[in-house]
Amino acid sequence: MGHKLYVGNLPFSATDAILQETFAECGTVESARIIMDRESGRSKGFGFVEMSTADEAKEAISKYDGADYEGRRMTVNEARPQAPREDRGSRGSFGGGRSNSRGGW
């Protein structure tokens, strides 16, 4: 079992500090981060917590998976490695840089 945990179904009011404080009850928290939406700046409702040992991570899963947090049932499990993103190409270019010999479109 890894030390990095996925924490889902969080209320939008949850913060990194609250996540850190909550999971510290199970051991040393190396990092705690709520994932934020780039455009709105609001929480996406999930985050990641990294515990210092596998035993602490296991204890956190046991204690918090399915636990109530402000009326929501948290999901806590071992984080899976991030899947590679597909190449979306360059952003912001229109027409792919085509031009004719006269310099126009």
N, C-alpha and C. Protein backbone atom coordinates (compact mmCIF):
# COMPACT_ATOMS: atom_id res chain seq x y z
N MET A 1 0.84 -1.18 0.00
CA MET A 1 0.00 0.00 0.00
C MET A 1 0.89 1.24 0.00
N GLY A 2 0.50 2.21 -0.78
CA GLY A 2 1.25 3.47 -0.84
C GLY A 2 0.91 4.37 0.32
N HIS A 3 1.53 5.52 0.32
CA HIS A 3 1.32 6.48 1.40
C HIS A 3 0.42 7.63 0.96
N LYS A 4 0.13 7.73 -0.35
CA LYS A 4 -0.68 8.82 -0.86
C LYS A 4 -2.13 8.37 -0.97
N LEU A 5 -3.02 9.18 -0.40
CA LEU A 5 -4.43 8.85 -0.37
C LEU A 5 -5.26 9.82 -1.19
N TYR A 6 -6.28 9.28 -1.85
CA TYR A 6 -7.29 10.09 -2.52
C TYR A 6 -8.40 10.33 -1.51
N VAL A 7 -8.85 11.56 -1.39
CA VAL A 7 -9.94 11.90 -0.48
C VAL A 7 -11.02 12.59 -1.30
N GLY A 8 -12.15 11.93 -1.47
CA GLY A 8 -13.21 12.45 -2.32
C GLY A 8 -14.49 12.74 -1.58
N ASN A 9 -15.41 13.37 -2.30
CA ASN A 9 -16.74 13.76 -1.80
C ASN A 9 -16.62 14.74 -0.64
N LEU A 10 -15.68 15.66 -0.76
CA LEU A 10 -15.48 16.68 0.27
C LEU A 10 -16.42 17.86 0.03
N PRO A 11 -16.84 18.53 1.10
CA PRO A 11 -17.62 19.75 0.90
C PRO A 11 -16.72 20.83 0.29
N PHE A 12 -17.31 21.74 -0.45
CA PHE A 12 -16.53 22.79 -1.10
C PHE A 12 -15.86 23.74 -0.10
N SER A 13 -16.29 23.68 1.15
CA SER A 13 -15.70 24.53 2.20
C SER A 13 -14.40 23.96 2.76
N ALA A 14 -14.06 22.72 2.41
CA ALA A 14 -12.84 22.08 2.93
C ALA A 14 -11.59 22.81 2.43
N THR A 15 -10.59 22.88 3.30
CA THR A 15 -9.33 23.55 2.96
C THR A 15 -8.16 22.59 3.17
N ASP A 16 -7.00 22.97 2.64
CA ASP A 16 -5.80 22.17 2.86
C ASP A 16 -5.53 22.01 4.36
N ALA A 17 -5.67 23.11 5.10
CA ALA A 17 -5.38 23.08 6.54
C ALA A 17 -6.31 22.14 7.29
N ILE A 18 -7.59 22.16 6.94
CA ILE A 18 -8.55 21.27 7.60
C ILE A 18 -8.24 19.81 7.28
N LEU A 19 -7.89 19.55 6.03
CA LEU A 19 -7.53 18.19 5.61
C LEU A 19 -6.30 17.72 6.39
N GLN A 20 -5.30 18.58 6.49
CA GLN A 20 -4.07 18.24 7.23
C GLN A 20 -4.38 17.95 8.69
N GLU A 21 -5.17 18.82 9.32
CA GLU A 21 -5.51 18.66 10.73
C GLU A 21 -6.30 17.38 10.98
N THR A 22 -7.24 17.08 10.11
CA THR A 22 -8.08 15.89 10.26
C THR A 22 -7.25 14.62 10.16
N PHE A 23 -6.43 14.52 9.12
CA PHE A 23 -5.66 13.29 8.91
C PHE A 23 -4.49 13.17 9.87
N ALA A 24 -4.08 14.24 10.51
CA ALA A 24 -3.00 14.19 11.50
C ALA A 24 -3.40 13.33 12.71
N GLU A 25 -4.70 13.10 12.88
CA GLU A 25 -5.15 12.22 13.97
C GLU A 25 -4.69 10.78 13.75
N CYS A 26 -4.29 10.45 12.52
CA CYS A 26 -3.84 9.09 12.20
C CYS A 26 -2.33 8.99 12.07
N GLY A 27 -1.62 10.12 12.17
CA GLY A 27 -0.17 10.09 12.05
C GLY A 27 0.37 11.35 11.40
N THR A 28 1.59 11.25 10.93
CA THR A 28 2.26 12.41 10.33
C THR A 28 1.79 12.60 8.89
N VAL A 29 1.29 13.80 8.62
CA VAL A 29 0.83 14.15 7.28
C VAL A 29 1.97 14.88 6.57
N GLU A 30 2.46 14.26 5.49
CA GLU A 30 3.54 14.88 4.71
C GLU A 30 3.00 16.03 3.87
N SER A 31 1.80 15.87 3.30
CA SER A 31 1.17 16.94 2.52
C SER A 31 -0.33 16.69 2.47
N ALA A 32 -1.07 17.77 2.31
CA ALA A 32 -2.53 17.69 2.17
C ALA A 32 -2.93 18.80 1.21
N ARG A 33 -3.64 18.42 0.14
CA ARG A 33 -3.96 19.41 -0.88
C ARG A 33 -5.34 19.17 -1.46
N ILE A 34 -6.17 20.19 -1.44
CA ILE A 34 -7.47 20.18 -2.10
C ILE A 34 -7.23 20.60 -3.54
N ILE A 35 -7.83 19.91 -4.49
CA ILE A 35 -7.68 20.24 -5.90
C ILE A 35 -8.68 21.34 -6.26
N MET A 36 -8.15 22.41 -6.87
CA MET A 36 -8.97 23.57 -7.19
C MET A 36 -9.20 23.65 -8.70
N ASP A 37 -10.36 24.17 -9.08
CA ASP A 37 -10.68 24.40 -10.48
C ASP A 37 -9.89 25.61 -10.96
N ARG A 38 -9.21 25.48 -12.08
CA ARG A 38 -8.36 26.57 -12.59
C ARG A 38 -9.16 27.82 -12.93
N GLU A 39 -10.32 27.63 -13.52
CA GLU A 39 -11.08 28.79 -13.98
C GLU A 39 -11.85 29.49 -12.88
N SER A 40 -12.52 28.74 -12.02
CA SER A 40 -13.35 29.36 -10.98
C SER A 40 -12.60 29.60 -9.68
N GLY A 41 -11.51 28.84 -9.45
CA GLY A 41 -10.78 28.96 -8.20
C GLY A 41 -11.45 28.25 -7.04
N ARG A 42 -12.54 27.53 -7.32
CA ARG A 42 -13.27 26.79 -6.28
C ARG A 42 -12.75 25.36 -6.17
N SER A 43 -13.00 24.78 -5.02
CA SER A 43 -12.62 23.38 -4.79
C SER A 43 -13.37 22.48 -5.77
N LYS A 44 -12.71 21.41 -6.21
CA LYS A 44 -13.36 20.41 -7.05
C LYS A 44 -14.02 19.33 -6.20
N GLY A 45 -13.87 19.42 -4.88
CA GLY A 45 -14.52 18.45 -3.99
C GLY A 45 -13.69 17.21 -3.71
N PHE A 46 -12.41 17.25 -4.06
CA PHE A 46 -11.53 16.13 -3.73
C PHE A 46 -10.12 16.65 -3.52
N GLY A 47 -9.29 15.79 -2.94
CA GLY A 47 -7.90 16.18 -2.69
C GLY A 47 -7.05 14.95 -2.44
N PHE A 48 -5.82 15.23 -2.05
CA PHE A 48 -4.86 14.15 -1.78
C PHE A 48 -4.14 14.43 -0.47
N VAL A 49 -3.91 13.36 0.28
CA VAL A 49 -3.18 13.44 1.54
C VAL A 49 -2.06 12.42 1.46
N GLU A 50 -0.86 12.85 1.82
CA GLU A 50 0.27 11.92 1.84
C GLU A 50 0.68 11.69 3.28
N MET A 51 0.58 10.44 3.71
CA MET A 51 0.95 10.06 5.07
C MET A 51 2.40 9.58 5.06
N SER A 52 3.07 9.65 6.23
CA SER A 52 4.49 9.31 6.28
C SER A 52 4.76 7.81 6.23
N THR A 53 3.81 6.97 6.65
CA THR A 53 4.02 5.52 6.59
C THR A 53 2.79 4.82 6.02
N ALA A 54 3.00 3.61 5.54
CA ALA A 54 1.89 2.82 5.01
C ALA A 54 0.89 2.47 6.11
N ASP A 55 1.37 2.23 7.33
CA ASP A 55 0.47 1.91 8.44
C ASP A 55 -0.44 3.09 8.77
N GLU A 56 0.11 4.30 8.72
CA GLU A 56 -0.70 5.49 8.98
C GLU A 56 -1.74 5.68 7.87
N ALA A 57 -1.35 5.42 6.64
CA ALA A 57 -2.28 5.52 5.51
C ALA A 57 -3.41 4.51 5.67
N LYS A 58 -3.07 3.30 6.06
CA LYS A 58 -4.08 2.26 6.26
C LYS A 58 -5.05 2.66 7.38
N GLU A 59 -4.51 3.21 8.46
CA GLU A 59 -5.35 3.66 9.57
C GLU A 59 -6.30 4.78 9.13
N ALA A 60 -5.79 5.71 8.32
CA ALA A 60 -6.61 6.82 7.83
C ALA A 60 -7.75 6.31 6.95
N ILE A 61 -7.46 5.34 6.08
CA ILE A 61 -8.50 4.76 5.23
C ILE A 61 -9.56 4.12 6.10
N SER A 62 -9.12 3.34 7.07
CA SER A 62 -10.04 2.64 7.97
C SER A 62 -10.92 3.62 8.75
N LYS A 63 -10.32 4.72 9.19
CA LYS A 63 -11.05 5.68 10.03
C LYS A 63 -11.96 6.59 9.23
N TYR A 64 -11.53 7.03 8.04
CA TYR A 64 -12.27 8.08 7.34
C TYR A 64 -13.06 7.65 6.11
N ASP A 65 -12.78 6.49 5.53
CA ASP A 65 -13.56 6.07 4.37
C ASP A 65 -15.00 5.83 4.80
N GLY A 66 -15.93 6.59 4.23
CA GLY A 66 -17.34 6.48 4.58
C GLY A 66 -17.76 7.35 5.75
N ALA A 67 -16.80 8.05 6.37
CA ALA A 67 -17.11 8.91 7.51
C ALA A 67 -17.86 10.17 7.05
N ASP A 68 -18.70 10.69 7.91
CA ASP A 68 -19.46 11.90 7.62
C ASP A 68 -18.59 13.13 7.82
N TYR A 69 -18.59 14.00 6.81
CA TYR A 69 -17.88 15.27 6.90
C TYR A 69 -18.84 16.35 6.40
N GLU A 70 -19.39 17.11 7.30
CA GLU A 70 -20.37 18.15 7.00
C GLU A 70 -21.51 17.61 6.15
N GLY A 71 -22.02 16.44 6.52
CA GLY A 71 -23.17 15.86 5.83
C GLY A 71 -22.84 15.08 4.57
N ARG A 72 -21.56 14.90 4.27
CA ARG A 72 -21.15 14.15 3.08
C ARG A 72 -20.32 12.95 3.51
N ARG A 73 -20.53 11.82 2.85
CA ARG A 73 -19.74 10.61 3.15
C ARG A 73 -18.44 10.67 2.36
N MET A 74 -17.34 10.84 3.08
CA MET A 74 -16.03 10.91 2.44
C MET A 74 -15.65 9.57 1.81
N THR A 75 -14.92 9.66 0.73
CA THR A 75 -14.30 8.49 0.10
C THR A 75 -12.80 8.64 0.33
N VAL A 76 -12.20 7.64 0.96
CA VAL A 76 -10.75 7.67 1.19
C VAL A 76 -10.19 6.33 0.76
N ASN A 77 -9.25 6.37 -0.18
CA ASN A 77 -8.59 5.15 -0.60
C ASN A 77 -7.20 5.48 -1.13
N GLU A 78 -6.46 4.43 -1.43
CA GLU A 78 -5.11 4.63 -1.96
C GLU A 78 -5.19 5.34 -3.30
N ALA A 79 -4.39 6.37 -3.46
CA ALA A 79 -4.38 7.13 -4.71
C ALA A 79 -3.74 6.29 -5.81
N ARG A 80 -4.34 6.34 -6.98
CA ARG A 80 -3.77 5.66 -8.15
C ARG A 80 -2.88 6.63 -8.89
N PRO A 81 -1.85 6.13 -9.58
CA PRO A 81 -1.00 7.03 -10.36
C PRO A 81 -1.82 7.76 -11.42
N GLN A 82 -1.45 9.01 -11.67
CA GLN A 82 -2.16 9.81 -12.65
C GLN A 82 -1.93 9.24 -14.05
N ALA A 83 -3.00 9.06 -14.79
CA ALA A 83 -2.90 8.55 -16.16
C ALA A 83 -2.31 9.64 -17.05
N PRO A 84 -1.51 9.25 -18.03
CA PRO A 84 -0.95 10.26 -18.93
C PRO A 84 -2.07 10.95 -19.70
N ARG A 85 -1.94 12.25 -19.85
CA ARG A 85 -2.95 13.01 -20.59
C ARG A 85 -2.66 12.92 -22.07
N GLU A 86 -3.73 12.92 -22.86
CA GLU A 86 -3.52 12.91 -24.31
C GLU A 86 -3.08 14.28 -24.75
N ASP A 87 -2.27 14.32 -25.78
CA ASP A 87 -1.77 15.59 -26.30
C ASP A 87 -2.92 16.32 -26.99
N ARG A 88 -3.21 17.50 -26.50
CA ARG A 88 -4.31 18.27 -27.06
C ARG A 88 -3.82 19.28 -28.08
N GLY A 89 -2.54 19.29 -28.36
CA GLY A 89 -1.99 20.24 -29.32
C GLY A 89 -1.80 21.59 -28.68
N SER A 90 -1.31 22.52 -29.47
CA SER A 90 -1.10 23.86 -28.92
C SER A 90 -2.42 24.59 -28.84
N ARG A 91 -2.55 25.41 -27.83
CA ARG A 91 -3.78 26.17 -27.65
C ARG A 91 -3.58 27.59 -28.16
N GLY A 92 -4.65 28.18 -28.59
CA GLY A 92 -4.61 29.59 -28.95
C GLY A 92 -4.24 29.89 -30.38
N SER A 93 -3.89 28.90 -31.17
CA SER A 93 -3.57 29.21 -32.57
C SER A 93 -4.81 28.92 -33.41
N PHE A 94 -5.08 29.79 -34.32
CA PHE A 94 -6.23 29.63 -35.19
C PHE A 94 -5.73 29.23 -36.56
N GLY A 95 -6.33 28.21 -37.13
CA GLY A 95 -6.01 27.81 -38.48
C GLY A 95 -4.72 27.02 -38.63
N GLY A 96 -4.04 26.73 -37.56
CA GLY A 96 -2.86 25.88 -37.62
C GLY A 96 -1.67 26.51 -38.34
N GLY A 97 -1.64 27.82 -38.46
CA GLY A 97 -0.49 28.50 -39.04
C GLY A 97 -0.44 28.46 -40.56
N ARG A 98 -1.55 28.22 -41.20
CA ARG A 98 -1.58 28.18 -42.67
C ARG A 98 -1.49 29.59 -43.25
N SER A 99 -0.80 29.71 -44.31
CA SER A 99 -0.78 30.98 -45.04
C SER A 99 -0.48 30.71 -46.50
N ASN A 100 -0.81 31.65 -47.35
CA ASN A 100 -0.45 31.46 -48.76
C ASN A 100 0.74 32.33 -49.08
N SER A 101 1.21 32.27 -50.31
CA SER A 101 2.43 32.98 -50.69
C SER A 101 2.30 34.50 -50.62
N ARG A 102 1.08 35.01 -50.59
CA ARG A 102 0.87 36.46 -50.53
C ARG A 102 0.83 36.97 -49.09
N GLY A 103 0.99 36.07 -48.13
CA GLY A 103 0.98 36.47 -46.73
C GLY A 103 -0.41 36.59 -46.14
N GLY A 104 -1.42 36.26 -46.90
CA GLY A 104 -2.79 36.33 -46.39
C GLY A 104 -3.37 34.94 -46.21
N TRP A 105 -4.60 34.87 -45.94
CA TRP A 105 -5.27 33.60 -45.73
C TRP A 105 -5.92 33.25 -47.01
